[in-house]
């Protein structure tokens, strides 16, 4: 039976693997023909990746806090803006020219709903259990996602998504790389509208 590739792809799993590898190099490196300097270099690289991982985690936490603060304050200001626009538009002194100057008049919607179709894109690398698809939402409520993979000839319904992006969490049907096809169609008021997107073909590594 074929064996899976030994090196983990996810950073956190690789870190655990490299800890074990470094300990093994210290114990057996000389027997395998590595010099003391080379073994020390492996130990130093282990220290390096741990330092980089720790820095990444700190930055990730800080970014999460900054994003949450941004979202909270943007939502607050948006709510205040909507409240004040409504009040201003209802005032007897308001005119179309004033509304235009304030930027409170929306552009004409020229979307051709009957012929609209989403554009699917791969977001980041394709991975087993973590293949992300991005799409343009436009004026619609969301999209339906369907897929074919391997030798499948029929489209399978994966789900719906109201906000980009969609995450395909499936593992490959068999060991080795897997070719997958995706397509999407818009949803409006819980009903599919428009045309199917162009097919996005993705190869998920084994």
N, C-alpha and C. Protein backbone atom coordinates (compact mmCIF):
# COMPACT_ATOMS: atom_id res chain seq x y z
N UNK A 1 0.85 -1.20 0.00
CA UNK A 1 0.00 0.00 0.00
C UNK A 1 0.88 1.25 0.00
N UNK A 2 0.54 2.21 -0.83
CA UNK A 2 1.31 3.44 -0.92
C UNK A 2 1.24 4.23 0.38
N UNK A 3 2.34 4.85 0.74
CA UNK A 3 2.39 5.66 1.96
C UNK A 3 2.18 7.13 1.62
N UNK A 4 1.60 7.84 2.55
CA UNK A 4 1.42 9.27 2.39
C UNK A 4 2.76 9.99 2.51
N UNK A 5 2.82 11.17 1.93
CA UNK A 5 4.03 11.98 2.03
C UNK A 5 4.29 12.30 3.50
N UNK A 6 5.55 12.12 3.94
CA UNK A 6 5.88 12.20 5.37
C UNK A 6 5.81 13.61 5.94
N UNK A 7 6.01 14.64 5.09
CA UNK A 7 6.16 16.00 5.61
C UNK A 7 4.80 16.68 5.71
N UNK A 8 4.36 17.07 6.91
CA UNK A 8 3.05 17.73 7.06
C UNK A 8 3.02 19.06 6.31
N UNK A 9 1.85 19.37 5.74
CA UNK A 9 1.70 20.61 4.98
C UNK A 9 1.32 21.78 5.88
N UNK A 10 0.56 21.53 6.91
CA UNK A 10 0.13 22.61 7.81
C UNK A 10 1.29 23.02 8.70
N UNK A 11 1.44 24.32 8.90
CA UNK A 11 2.59 24.83 9.66
C UNK A 11 2.66 24.26 11.08
N UNK A 12 1.53 24.22 11.76
CA UNK A 12 1.54 23.74 13.15
C UNK A 12 1.95 22.28 13.23
N UNK A 13 1.46 21.47 12.29
CA UNK A 13 1.85 20.05 12.25
C UNK A 13 3.32 19.90 11.87
N UNK A 14 3.79 20.76 10.96
CA UNK A 14 5.20 20.72 10.58
C UNK A 14 6.09 21.04 11.76
N UNK A 15 5.65 22.00 12.60
CA UNK A 15 6.43 22.37 13.77
C UNK A 15 6.61 21.17 14.70
N UNK A 16 5.53 20.43 14.94
CA UNK A 16 5.62 19.23 15.78
C UNK A 16 6.54 18.20 15.14
N UNK A 17 6.39 18.02 13.80
CA UNK A 17 7.26 17.07 13.09
C UNK A 17 8.72 17.48 13.23
N UNK A 18 9.01 18.78 13.09
CA UNK A 18 10.41 19.23 13.12
C UNK A 18 11.00 19.09 14.51
N UNK A 19 10.19 19.22 15.55
CA UNK A 19 10.68 18.98 16.91
C UNK A 19 11.20 17.54 17.03
N UNK A 20 10.38 16.60 16.53
CA UNK A 20 10.77 15.19 16.59
C UNK A 20 11.99 14.92 15.70
N UNK A 21 12.00 15.56 14.53
CA UNK A 21 13.13 15.38 13.61
C UNK A 21 14.43 15.89 14.23
N UNK A 22 14.36 17.04 14.88
CA UNK A 22 15.54 17.62 15.51
C UNK A 22 16.07 16.71 16.61
N UNK A 23 15.16 16.18 17.44
CA UNK A 23 15.58 15.26 18.49
C UNK A 23 16.22 14.02 17.88
N UNK A 24 15.66 13.54 16.76
CA UNK A 24 16.23 12.38 16.10
C UNK A 24 17.60 12.66 15.51
N UNK A 25 17.79 13.86 14.99
CA UNK A 25 19.09 14.23 14.45
C UNK A 25 20.15 14.28 15.54
N UNK A 26 19.76 14.79 16.71
CA UNK A 26 20.71 14.84 17.83
C UNK A 26 21.10 13.42 18.24
N UNK A 27 20.13 12.51 18.23
CA UNK A 27 20.38 11.14 18.67
C UNK A 27 21.09 10.30 17.62
N UNK A 28 20.79 10.52 16.35
CA UNK A 28 21.26 9.61 15.30
C UNK A 28 22.01 10.28 14.15
N UNK A 29 22.12 11.60 14.20
CA UNK A 29 22.72 12.31 13.08
C UNK A 29 24.12 11.87 12.73
N UNK A 30 24.97 11.64 13.75
CA UNK A 30 26.35 11.24 13.49
C UNK A 30 26.40 9.88 12.80
N UNK A 31 25.50 8.98 13.20
CA UNK A 31 25.46 7.66 12.57
C UNK A 31 25.10 7.76 11.09
N UNK A 32 24.27 8.77 10.76
CA UNK A 32 23.82 8.95 9.38
C UNK A 32 24.79 9.78 8.55
N UNK A 33 25.91 10.17 9.15
CA UNK A 33 26.94 10.88 8.39
C UNK A 33 26.86 12.39 8.45
N UNK A 34 25.98 12.94 9.31
CA UNK A 34 25.91 14.38 9.46
C UNK A 34 26.98 14.85 10.44
N UNK A 35 27.54 16.03 10.17
CA UNK A 35 28.58 16.57 11.04
C UNK A 35 27.93 17.26 12.24
N UNK A 36 28.70 17.44 13.33
CA UNK A 36 28.16 18.18 14.48
C UNK A 36 27.64 19.56 14.08
N UNK A 37 28.34 20.23 13.14
CA UNK A 37 27.89 21.55 12.70
C UNK A 37 26.54 21.48 12.01
N UNK A 38 26.33 20.43 11.23
CA UNK A 38 25.05 20.27 10.53
C UNK A 38 23.92 19.96 11.50
N UNK A 39 24.23 19.17 12.51
CA UNK A 39 23.22 18.87 13.54
C UNK A 39 22.87 20.13 14.31
N UNK A 40 23.88 20.93 14.63
CA UNK A 40 23.63 22.20 15.32
C UNK A 40 22.79 23.13 14.45
N UNK A 41 23.05 23.12 13.13
CA UNK A 41 22.27 23.95 12.22
C UNK A 41 20.80 23.55 12.25
N UNK A 42 20.53 22.23 12.32
CA UNK A 42 19.15 21.76 12.42
C UNK A 42 18.50 22.25 13.71
N UNK A 43 19.25 22.20 14.82
CA UNK A 43 18.73 22.70 16.10
C UNK A 43 18.43 24.20 16.02
N UNK A 44 19.32 24.94 15.38
CA UNK A 44 19.10 26.39 15.24
C UNK A 44 17.89 26.68 14.37
N UNK A 45 17.69 25.88 13.32
CA UNK A 45 16.52 26.08 12.47
C UNK A 45 15.24 25.77 13.24
N UNK A 46 15.30 24.80 14.14
CA UNK A 46 14.13 24.48 14.97
C UNK A 46 13.80 25.66 15.88
N UNK A 47 14.83 26.27 16.45
CA UNK A 47 14.61 27.46 17.27
C UNK A 47 14.01 28.59 16.43
N UNK A 48 14.51 28.71 15.19
CA UNK A 48 14.02 29.77 14.30
C UNK A 48 12.54 29.61 13.98
N UNK A 49 12.13 28.39 13.58
CA UNK A 49 10.72 28.22 13.20
C UNK A 49 9.80 28.39 14.40
N UNK A 50 10.27 28.02 15.59
CA UNK A 50 9.47 28.25 16.80
C UNK A 50 9.31 29.75 17.06
N UNK A 51 10.39 30.50 16.87
CA UNK A 51 10.33 31.95 17.08
C UNK A 51 9.39 32.59 16.06
N UNK A 52 9.46 32.14 14.82
CA UNK A 52 8.59 32.69 13.78
C UNK A 52 7.14 32.33 14.05
N UNK A 53 6.89 31.11 14.51
CA UNK A 53 5.52 30.69 14.83
C UNK A 53 4.95 31.52 15.97
N UNK A 54 5.76 31.72 17.01
CA UNK A 54 5.30 32.52 18.16
C UNK A 54 4.99 33.95 17.74
N UNK A 55 5.87 34.53 16.90
CA UNK A 55 5.63 35.89 16.41
C UNK A 55 4.37 35.95 15.57
N UNK A 56 4.17 34.91 14.76
CA UNK A 56 2.96 34.84 13.93
C UNK A 56 1.71 34.79 14.80
N UNK A 57 1.74 33.99 15.86
CA UNK A 57 0.58 33.87 16.74
C UNK A 57 0.26 35.20 17.43
N UNK A 58 1.32 35.90 17.86
CA UNK A 58 1.11 37.21 18.49
C UNK A 58 0.49 38.19 17.50
N UNK A 59 1.05 38.21 16.27
CA UNK A 59 0.52 39.11 15.23
C UNK A 59 -0.91 38.74 14.86
N UNK A 60 -1.20 37.43 14.81
CA UNK A 60 -2.54 36.96 14.47
C UNK A 60 -3.55 37.41 15.51
N UNK A 61 -3.16 37.30 16.78
CA UNK A 61 -4.05 37.74 17.86
C UNK A 61 -4.27 39.25 17.79
N UNK A 62 -3.17 40.00 17.57
CA UNK A 62 -3.29 41.45 17.47
C UNK A 62 -4.16 41.85 16.28
N UNK A 63 -3.99 41.14 15.15
CA UNK A 63 -4.79 41.43 13.97
C UNK A 63 -6.27 41.14 14.23
N UNK A 64 -6.54 40.06 14.98
CA UNK A 64 -7.92 39.72 15.32
C UNK A 64 -8.57 40.80 16.17
N UNK A 65 -7.82 41.31 17.13
CA UNK A 65 -8.35 42.39 17.99
C UNK A 65 -8.58 43.65 17.16
N UNK A 66 -7.60 43.99 16.30
CA UNK A 66 -7.74 45.19 15.47
C UNK A 66 -8.93 45.06 14.51
N UNK A 67 -9.11 43.86 13.95
CA UNK A 67 -10.23 43.64 13.03
C UNK A 67 -11.56 43.76 13.76
N UNK A 68 -11.64 43.18 14.97
CA UNK A 68 -12.87 43.27 15.75
C UNK A 68 -13.20 44.72 16.10
N UNK A 69 -12.17 45.48 16.49
CA UNK A 69 -12.38 46.89 16.81
C UNK A 69 -12.82 47.68 15.58
N UNK A 70 -12.19 47.37 14.46
CA UNK A 70 -12.57 48.04 13.20
C UNK A 70 -14.01 47.74 12.84
N UNK A 71 -14.39 46.47 12.90
CA UNK A 71 -15.75 46.07 12.54
C UNK A 71 -16.78 46.72 13.46
N UNK A 72 -16.48 46.74 14.75
CA UNK A 72 -17.42 47.33 15.72
C UNK A 72 -17.65 48.81 15.44
N UNK A 73 -16.55 49.53 15.20
CA UNK A 73 -16.67 50.97 15.00
C UNK A 73 -17.24 51.31 13.63
N UNK A 74 -16.89 50.52 12.60
CA UNK A 74 -17.50 50.75 11.29
C UNK A 74 -19.00 50.52 11.35
N UNK A 75 -19.42 49.44 12.03
CA UNK A 75 -20.85 49.15 12.15
C UNK A 75 -21.57 50.28 12.89
N UNK A 76 -20.93 50.83 13.92
CA UNK A 76 -21.52 51.92 14.69
C UNK A 76 -21.70 53.16 13.83
N UNK A 77 -20.65 53.51 13.09
CA UNK A 77 -20.70 54.71 12.26
C UNK A 77 -21.68 54.51 11.10
N UNK A 78 -21.73 53.31 10.54
CA UNK A 78 -22.71 53.04 9.49
C UNK A 78 -24.13 53.23 10.02
N UNK A 79 -24.40 52.71 11.22
CA UNK A 79 -25.74 52.84 11.80
C UNK A 79 -26.09 54.30 12.04
N UNK A 80 -25.14 55.08 12.53
CA UNK A 80 -25.37 56.51 12.74
C UNK A 80 -25.61 57.22 11.42
N UNK A 81 -24.85 56.84 10.39
CA UNK A 81 -25.01 57.47 9.08
C UNK A 81 -26.39 57.18 8.51
N UNK A 82 -26.84 55.92 8.60
CA UNK A 82 -28.17 55.56 8.11
C UNK A 82 -29.25 56.33 8.85
N UNK A 83 -29.09 56.45 10.17
CA UNK A 83 -30.06 57.21 10.98
C UNK A 83 -30.11 58.67 10.54
N UNK A 84 -28.94 59.28 10.36
CA UNK A 84 -28.91 60.70 10.04
C UNK A 84 -29.37 60.98 8.60
N UNK A 85 -29.04 60.04 7.68
CA UNK A 85 -29.51 60.21 6.30
C UNK A 85 -31.03 60.18 6.26
N UNK A 86 -31.61 59.24 6.98
CA UNK A 86 -33.08 59.14 7.02
C UNK A 86 -33.69 60.42 7.57
N UNK A 87 -33.08 60.95 8.61
CA UNK A 87 -33.58 62.20 9.20
C UNK A 87 -33.45 63.37 8.23
N UNK A 88 -32.28 63.44 7.55
CA UNK A 88 -32.05 64.54 6.62
C UNK A 88 -32.98 64.49 5.42
N UNK A 89 -33.23 63.29 4.90
CA UNK A 89 -34.10 63.16 3.74
C UNK A 89 -35.54 63.54 4.07
N UNK A 90 -35.93 63.34 5.33
CA UNK A 90 -37.31 63.66 5.74
C UNK A 90 -37.50 65.14 6.06
N UNK A 91 -36.41 65.90 6.15
CA UNK A 91 -36.52 67.32 6.52
C UNK A 91 -37.11 68.11 5.35
N UNK A 92 -38.00 69.06 5.63
CA UNK A 92 -38.61 69.86 4.55
C UNK A 92 -37.61 70.70 3.76
N UNK A 93 -36.45 70.96 4.34
CA UNK A 93 -35.44 71.75 3.62
C UNK A 93 -34.59 70.94 2.67
N UNK A 94 -34.79 69.64 2.67
CA UNK A 94 -33.97 68.81 1.78
C UNK A 94 -34.38 68.98 0.33
N UNK A 95 -33.38 68.94 -0.56
CA UNK A 95 -33.62 69.01 -2.00
C UNK A 95 -32.82 67.90 -2.68
N UNK A 96 -33.19 67.54 -3.91
CA UNK A 96 -32.40 66.55 -4.64
C UNK A 96 -30.93 66.94 -4.76
N UNK A 97 -30.69 68.25 -4.91
CA UNK A 97 -29.30 68.72 -5.05
C UNK A 97 -28.52 68.48 -3.77
N UNK A 98 -29.16 68.70 -2.62
CA UNK A 98 -28.48 68.48 -1.34
C UNK A 98 -28.20 66.98 -1.14
N UNK A 99 -29.19 66.14 -1.45
CA UNK A 99 -28.99 64.70 -1.33
C UNK A 99 -27.85 64.23 -2.22
N UNK A 100 -27.77 64.81 -3.42
CA UNK A 100 -26.70 64.45 -4.35
C UNK A 100 -25.35 64.89 -3.80
N UNK A 101 -25.32 66.10 -3.21
CA UNK A 101 -24.07 66.62 -2.65
C UNK A 101 -23.59 65.78 -1.48
N UNK A 102 -24.56 65.24 -0.70
CA UNK A 102 -24.20 64.40 0.45
C UNK A 102 -23.86 62.97 0.06
N UNK A 103 -24.13 62.62 -1.19
CA UNK A 103 -23.85 61.25 -1.63
C UNK A 103 -24.85 60.25 -1.11
N UNK A 104 -26.10 60.69 -0.87
CA UNK A 104 -27.13 59.81 -0.30
C UNK A 104 -28.14 59.34 -1.35
N UNK A 105 -27.77 59.47 -2.63
CA UNK A 105 -28.61 58.99 -3.71
C UNK A 105 -27.90 57.82 -4.38
N UNK A 106 -28.49 56.65 -4.35
CA UNK A 106 -27.86 55.47 -4.92
C UNK A 106 -27.84 55.51 -6.44
N UNK A 107 -26.85 54.83 -7.03
CA UNK A 107 -26.76 54.74 -8.48
C UNK A 107 -27.86 53.83 -9.02
N UNK A 108 -28.22 54.05 -10.26
CA UNK A 108 -29.22 53.20 -10.89
C UNK A 108 -28.70 51.76 -10.99
N UNK A 109 -29.54 50.81 -10.61
CA UNK A 109 -29.16 49.40 -10.67
C UNK A 109 -29.43 48.87 -12.08
N UNK A 110 -28.36 48.53 -12.77
CA UNK A 110 -28.48 48.06 -14.14
C UNK A 110 -28.19 46.55 -14.26
N UNK A 111 -28.20 45.85 -13.12
CA UNK A 111 -27.89 44.41 -13.14
C UNK A 111 -28.93 43.64 -13.95
N UNK A 112 -28.46 42.83 -14.88
CA UNK A 112 -29.33 41.97 -15.68
C UNK A 112 -29.49 40.66 -14.92
N UNK A 113 -30.50 40.59 -14.06
CA UNK A 113 -30.69 39.44 -13.18
C UNK A 113 -30.85 38.15 -13.97
N UNK A 114 -31.58 38.20 -15.07
CA UNK A 114 -31.88 36.98 -15.83
C UNK A 114 -30.63 36.36 -16.44
N UNK A 115 -29.60 37.17 -16.70
CA UNK A 115 -28.39 36.66 -17.36
C UNK A 115 -27.14 36.76 -16.49
N UNK A 116 -27.32 37.16 -15.25
CA UNK A 116 -26.16 37.32 -14.37
C UNK A 116 -25.54 35.97 -14.05
N UNK A 117 -24.22 35.95 -13.91
CA UNK A 117 -23.55 34.73 -13.46
C UNK A 117 -22.35 35.10 -12.60
N UNK A 118 -22.14 34.34 -11.52
CA UNK A 118 -21.01 34.64 -10.64
C UNK A 118 -19.67 34.27 -11.28
N UNK A 119 -18.62 34.80 -10.70
CA UNK A 119 -17.27 34.42 -11.08
C UNK A 119 -16.62 33.72 -9.89
N UNK A 120 -16.23 32.47 -10.08
CA UNK A 120 -15.58 31.70 -9.03
C UNK A 120 -14.07 31.83 -9.14
N UNK A 121 -13.41 31.96 -7.99
CA UNK A 121 -11.94 32.02 -7.95
C UNK A 121 -11.45 31.17 -6.79
N UNK A 122 -10.27 30.61 -6.93
CA UNK A 122 -9.64 29.87 -5.84
C UNK A 122 -8.98 30.87 -4.91
N UNK A 123 -9.27 30.73 -3.61
CA UNK A 123 -8.69 31.64 -2.62
C UNK A 123 -7.63 30.88 -1.83
N UNK A 124 -6.37 31.20 -2.10
CA UNK A 124 -5.28 30.50 -1.44
C UNK A 124 -5.03 29.14 -2.08
N UNK A 125 -4.11 28.36 -1.52
CA UNK A 125 -3.80 27.04 -2.10
C UNK A 125 -4.93 26.05 -1.86
N UNK A 126 -5.12 25.13 -2.80
CA UNK A 126 -6.10 24.07 -2.63
C UNK A 126 -5.53 23.00 -1.71
N UNK A 127 -6.27 22.66 -0.65
CA UNK A 127 -5.83 21.66 0.31
C UNK A 127 -6.98 20.72 0.62
N UNK A 128 -6.66 19.48 0.96
CA UNK A 128 -7.70 18.56 1.39
C UNK A 128 -8.34 19.10 2.67
N UNK A 129 -9.65 19.20 2.68
CA UNK A 129 -10.36 19.68 3.86
C UNK A 129 -10.35 21.18 4.02
N UNK A 130 -9.68 21.88 3.12
CA UNK A 130 -9.57 23.34 3.27
C UNK A 130 -9.32 23.99 1.91
N UNK A 131 -10.25 23.77 0.98
CA UNK A 131 -10.18 24.43 -0.33
C UNK A 131 -11.21 25.57 -0.33
N UNK A 132 -10.73 26.79 -0.44
CA UNK A 132 -11.60 27.96 -0.33
C UNK A 132 -11.91 28.53 -1.71
N UNK A 133 -13.18 28.83 -1.94
CA UNK A 133 -13.64 29.43 -3.18
C UNK A 133 -14.16 30.83 -2.90
N UNK A 134 -13.71 31.78 -3.68
CA UNK A 134 -14.17 33.15 -3.56
C UNK A 134 -15.14 33.43 -4.72
N UNK A 135 -16.09 34.32 -4.51
CA UNK A 135 -17.03 34.67 -5.56
C UNK A 135 -17.49 36.11 -5.39
N UNK A 136 -17.96 36.71 -6.48
CA UNK A 136 -18.50 38.06 -6.43
C UNK A 136 -19.99 37.96 -6.10
N UNK A 137 -20.41 38.64 -5.05
CA UNK A 137 -21.80 38.54 -4.60
C UNK A 137 -22.73 39.47 -5.36
N UNK A 138 -22.23 40.61 -5.79
CA UNK A 138 -23.04 41.59 -6.50
C UNK A 138 -24.25 41.99 -5.65
N UNK A 139 -25.43 42.09 -6.26
CA UNK A 139 -26.63 42.52 -5.52
C UNK A 139 -27.41 41.32 -4.96
N UNK A 140 -26.88 40.12 -5.12
CA UNK A 140 -27.64 38.92 -4.82
C UNK A 140 -27.45 38.49 -3.36
N UNK A 141 -28.33 37.55 -2.94
CA UNK A 141 -28.29 37.09 -1.54
C UNK A 141 -27.15 36.12 -1.29
N UNK A 142 -26.71 35.44 -2.31
CA UNK A 142 -25.65 34.45 -2.16
C UNK A 142 -25.56 33.59 -3.40
N UNK A 143 -24.95 32.40 -3.25
CA UNK A 143 -24.78 31.50 -4.38
C UNK A 143 -25.05 30.06 -3.96
N UNK A 144 -25.41 29.23 -4.96
CA UNK A 144 -25.41 27.79 -4.83
C UNK A 144 -24.06 27.30 -5.35
N UNK A 145 -23.46 26.33 -4.67
CA UNK A 145 -22.19 25.75 -5.10
C UNK A 145 -22.41 24.27 -5.44
N UNK A 146 -21.95 23.85 -6.62
CA UNK A 146 -21.99 22.45 -7.01
C UNK A 146 -20.60 22.01 -7.45
N UNK A 147 -20.37 20.69 -7.44
CA UNK A 147 -19.03 20.19 -7.74
C UNK A 147 -19.08 18.82 -8.40
N UNK A 148 -18.05 18.54 -9.18
CA UNK A 148 -17.74 17.19 -9.67
C UNK A 148 -16.27 16.94 -9.36
N UNK A 149 -15.94 15.69 -9.05
CA UNK A 149 -14.54 15.38 -8.78
C UNK A 149 -14.21 13.97 -9.24
N UNK A 150 -12.90 13.77 -9.50
CA UNK A 150 -12.47 12.46 -9.97
C UNK A 150 -13.17 12.09 -11.26
N UNK A 151 -13.78 10.91 -11.27
CA UNK A 151 -14.47 10.42 -12.46
C UNK A 151 -15.97 10.69 -12.43
N UNK A 152 -16.44 11.52 -11.52
CA UNK A 152 -17.87 11.80 -11.42
C UNK A 152 -18.36 12.51 -12.69
N UNK A 153 -19.53 12.14 -13.13
CA UNK A 153 -20.12 12.74 -14.33
C UNK A 153 -21.31 13.63 -14.02
N UNK A 154 -21.82 13.54 -12.80
CA UNK A 154 -22.97 14.35 -12.39
C UNK A 154 -22.54 15.40 -11.37
N UNK A 155 -23.16 16.56 -11.46
CA UNK A 155 -22.88 17.62 -10.49
C UNK A 155 -23.52 17.27 -9.14
N UNK A 156 -22.80 17.54 -8.06
CA UNK A 156 -23.31 17.32 -6.70
C UNK A 156 -23.47 18.65 -6.00
N UNK A 157 -24.57 18.80 -5.30
CA UNK A 157 -24.83 20.02 -4.54
C UNK A 157 -23.96 20.05 -3.30
N UNK A 158 -23.17 21.10 -3.13
CA UNK A 158 -22.33 21.25 -1.94
C UNK A 158 -22.99 22.09 -0.87
N UNK A 159 -23.74 23.11 -1.28
CA UNK A 159 -24.37 23.99 -0.32
C UNK A 159 -24.60 25.37 -0.89
N UNK A 160 -25.03 26.27 -0.02
CA UNK A 160 -25.21 27.67 -0.39
C UNK A 160 -24.34 28.52 0.53
N UNK A 161 -24.02 29.70 0.06
CA UNK A 161 -23.20 30.61 0.86
C UNK A 161 -23.66 32.03 0.60
N UNK A 162 -23.85 32.77 1.68
CA UNK A 162 -24.32 34.15 1.54
C UNK A 162 -23.17 35.17 1.56
N UNK A 163 -21.99 34.73 1.97
CA UNK A 163 -20.84 35.63 2.01
C UNK A 163 -19.61 34.91 1.48
N UNK A 164 -18.87 35.54 0.57
CA UNK A 164 -17.60 34.94 0.17
C UNK A 164 -16.71 34.80 1.42
N UNK A 165 -16.03 33.72 1.63
CA UNK A 165 -15.78 32.67 0.67
C UNK A 165 -16.44 31.35 1.12
N UNK A 166 -16.51 30.38 0.18
CA UNK A 166 -17.02 29.05 0.51
C UNK A 166 -15.85 28.11 0.77
N UNK A 167 -15.95 27.27 1.81
CA UNK A 167 -14.88 26.33 2.15
C UNK A 167 -15.34 24.90 1.89
N UNK A 168 -14.62 24.22 1.01
CA UNK A 168 -14.87 22.81 0.72
C UNK A 168 -14.02 21.99 1.68
N UNK A 169 -14.68 21.29 2.62
CA UNK A 169 -13.97 20.57 3.67
C UNK A 169 -13.79 19.08 3.36
N UNK A 170 -14.10 18.66 2.14
CA UNK A 170 -14.00 17.24 1.80
C UNK A 170 -12.55 16.80 1.63
N UNK A 171 -12.30 15.55 2.04
CA UNK A 171 -11.01 14.92 1.77
C UNK A 171 -11.09 14.24 0.41
N UNK A 172 -9.93 13.93 -0.17
CA UNK A 172 -9.89 13.29 -1.47
C UNK A 172 -10.53 11.90 -1.41
N UNK A 173 -11.13 11.49 -2.52
CA UNK A 173 -11.79 10.19 -2.58
C UNK A 173 -10.78 9.05 -2.47
N UNK A 174 -9.56 9.25 -2.94
CA UNK A 174 -8.53 8.22 -2.93
C UNK A 174 -7.18 8.88 -2.72
N UNK A 175 -6.17 8.10 -2.32
CA UNK A 175 -4.83 8.68 -2.17
C UNK A 175 -4.34 9.33 -3.46
N UNK A 176 -3.61 10.40 -3.32
CA UNK A 176 -3.07 11.09 -4.48
C UNK A 176 -3.86 12.33 -4.84
N UNK A 177 -3.38 13.11 -5.81
CA UNK A 177 -4.06 14.34 -6.22
C UNK A 177 -5.46 14.06 -6.77
N UNK A 178 -6.33 15.04 -6.63
CA UNK A 178 -7.71 14.90 -7.11
C UNK A 178 -8.12 16.16 -7.87
N UNK A 179 -8.67 15.97 -9.07
CA UNK A 179 -9.18 17.10 -9.85
C UNK A 179 -10.64 17.33 -9.50
N UNK A 180 -10.96 18.57 -9.18
CA UNK A 180 -12.34 18.94 -8.84
C UNK A 180 -12.80 20.07 -9.75
N UNK A 181 -14.08 20.04 -10.07
CA UNK A 181 -14.71 21.11 -10.84
C UNK A 181 -15.79 21.75 -9.97
N UNK A 182 -15.88 23.06 -10.06
CA UNK A 182 -16.88 23.79 -9.28
C UNK A 182 -17.67 24.72 -10.21
N UNK A 183 -18.94 24.94 -9.87
CA UNK A 183 -19.73 25.95 -10.54
C UNK A 183 -20.68 26.56 -9.51
N UNK A 184 -21.14 27.76 -9.81
CA UNK A 184 -22.00 28.48 -8.87
C UNK A 184 -23.11 29.21 -9.64
N UNK A 185 -24.21 29.43 -8.92
CA UNK A 185 -25.33 30.17 -9.49
C UNK A 185 -25.89 31.07 -8.40
N UNK A 186 -26.34 32.26 -8.80
CA UNK A 186 -26.82 33.23 -7.82
C UNK A 186 -28.15 32.80 -7.19
N UNK A 187 -28.34 33.28 -5.96
CA UNK A 187 -29.61 33.15 -5.24
C UNK A 187 -30.18 34.54 -4.99
N UNK A 188 -31.48 34.68 -5.21
CA UNK A 188 -32.17 35.93 -4.92
C UNK A 188 -33.54 35.58 -4.34
N UNK A 189 -33.79 36.04 -3.11
CA UNK A 189 -35.04 35.70 -2.42
C UNK A 189 -35.25 34.18 -2.36
N UNK A 190 -34.16 33.47 -2.05
CA UNK A 190 -34.18 32.00 -1.87
C UNK A 190 -34.40 31.23 -3.16
N UNK A 191 -34.36 31.87 -4.32
CA UNK A 191 -34.55 31.19 -5.60
C UNK A 191 -33.31 31.37 -6.47
N UNK A 192 -32.90 30.31 -7.21
CA UNK A 192 -31.77 30.46 -8.13
C UNK A 192 -32.14 31.34 -9.31
N UNK A 193 -31.23 32.23 -9.69
CA UNK A 193 -31.47 33.13 -10.81
C UNK A 193 -30.21 33.20 -11.67
N UNK A 194 -30.39 33.65 -12.91
CA UNK A 194 -29.26 33.84 -13.80
C UNK A 194 -28.69 32.54 -14.32
N UNK A 195 -27.43 32.60 -14.73
CA UNK A 195 -26.76 31.46 -15.35
C UNK A 195 -25.69 30.88 -14.42
N UNK A 196 -25.32 29.64 -14.71
CA UNK A 196 -24.22 29.04 -13.97
C UNK A 196 -22.91 29.74 -14.34
N UNK A 197 -22.02 29.82 -13.37
CA UNK A 197 -20.70 30.41 -13.62
C UNK A 197 -19.90 29.54 -14.57
N UNK A 198 -18.83 30.11 -15.09
CA UNK A 198 -17.85 29.28 -15.80
C UNK A 198 -17.28 28.25 -14.81
N UNK A 199 -16.91 27.10 -15.31
CA UNK A 199 -16.42 26.03 -14.44
C UNK A 199 -14.99 26.35 -13.97
N UNK A 200 -14.79 26.22 -12.67
CA UNK A 200 -13.46 26.40 -12.07
C UNK A 200 -12.89 25.01 -11.80
N UNK A 201 -11.74 24.70 -12.40
CA UNK A 201 -11.09 23.41 -12.21
C UNK A 201 -9.91 23.57 -11.24
N UNK A 202 -9.89 22.72 -10.23
CA UNK A 202 -8.88 22.81 -9.18
C UNK A 202 -8.27 21.43 -8.95
N UNK A 203 -6.97 21.38 -8.76
CA UNK A 203 -6.30 20.14 -8.40
C UNK A 203 -5.94 20.19 -6.92
N UNK A 204 -6.53 19.26 -6.16
CA UNK A 204 -6.27 19.18 -4.72
C UNK A 204 -5.16 18.16 -4.50
N UNK A 205 -4.06 18.52 -3.88
CA UNK A 205 -2.95 17.58 -3.73
C UNK A 205 -3.33 16.40 -2.83
N UNK A 206 -2.62 15.29 -3.00
CA UNK A 206 -2.87 14.10 -2.20
C UNK A 206 -2.15 14.15 -0.87
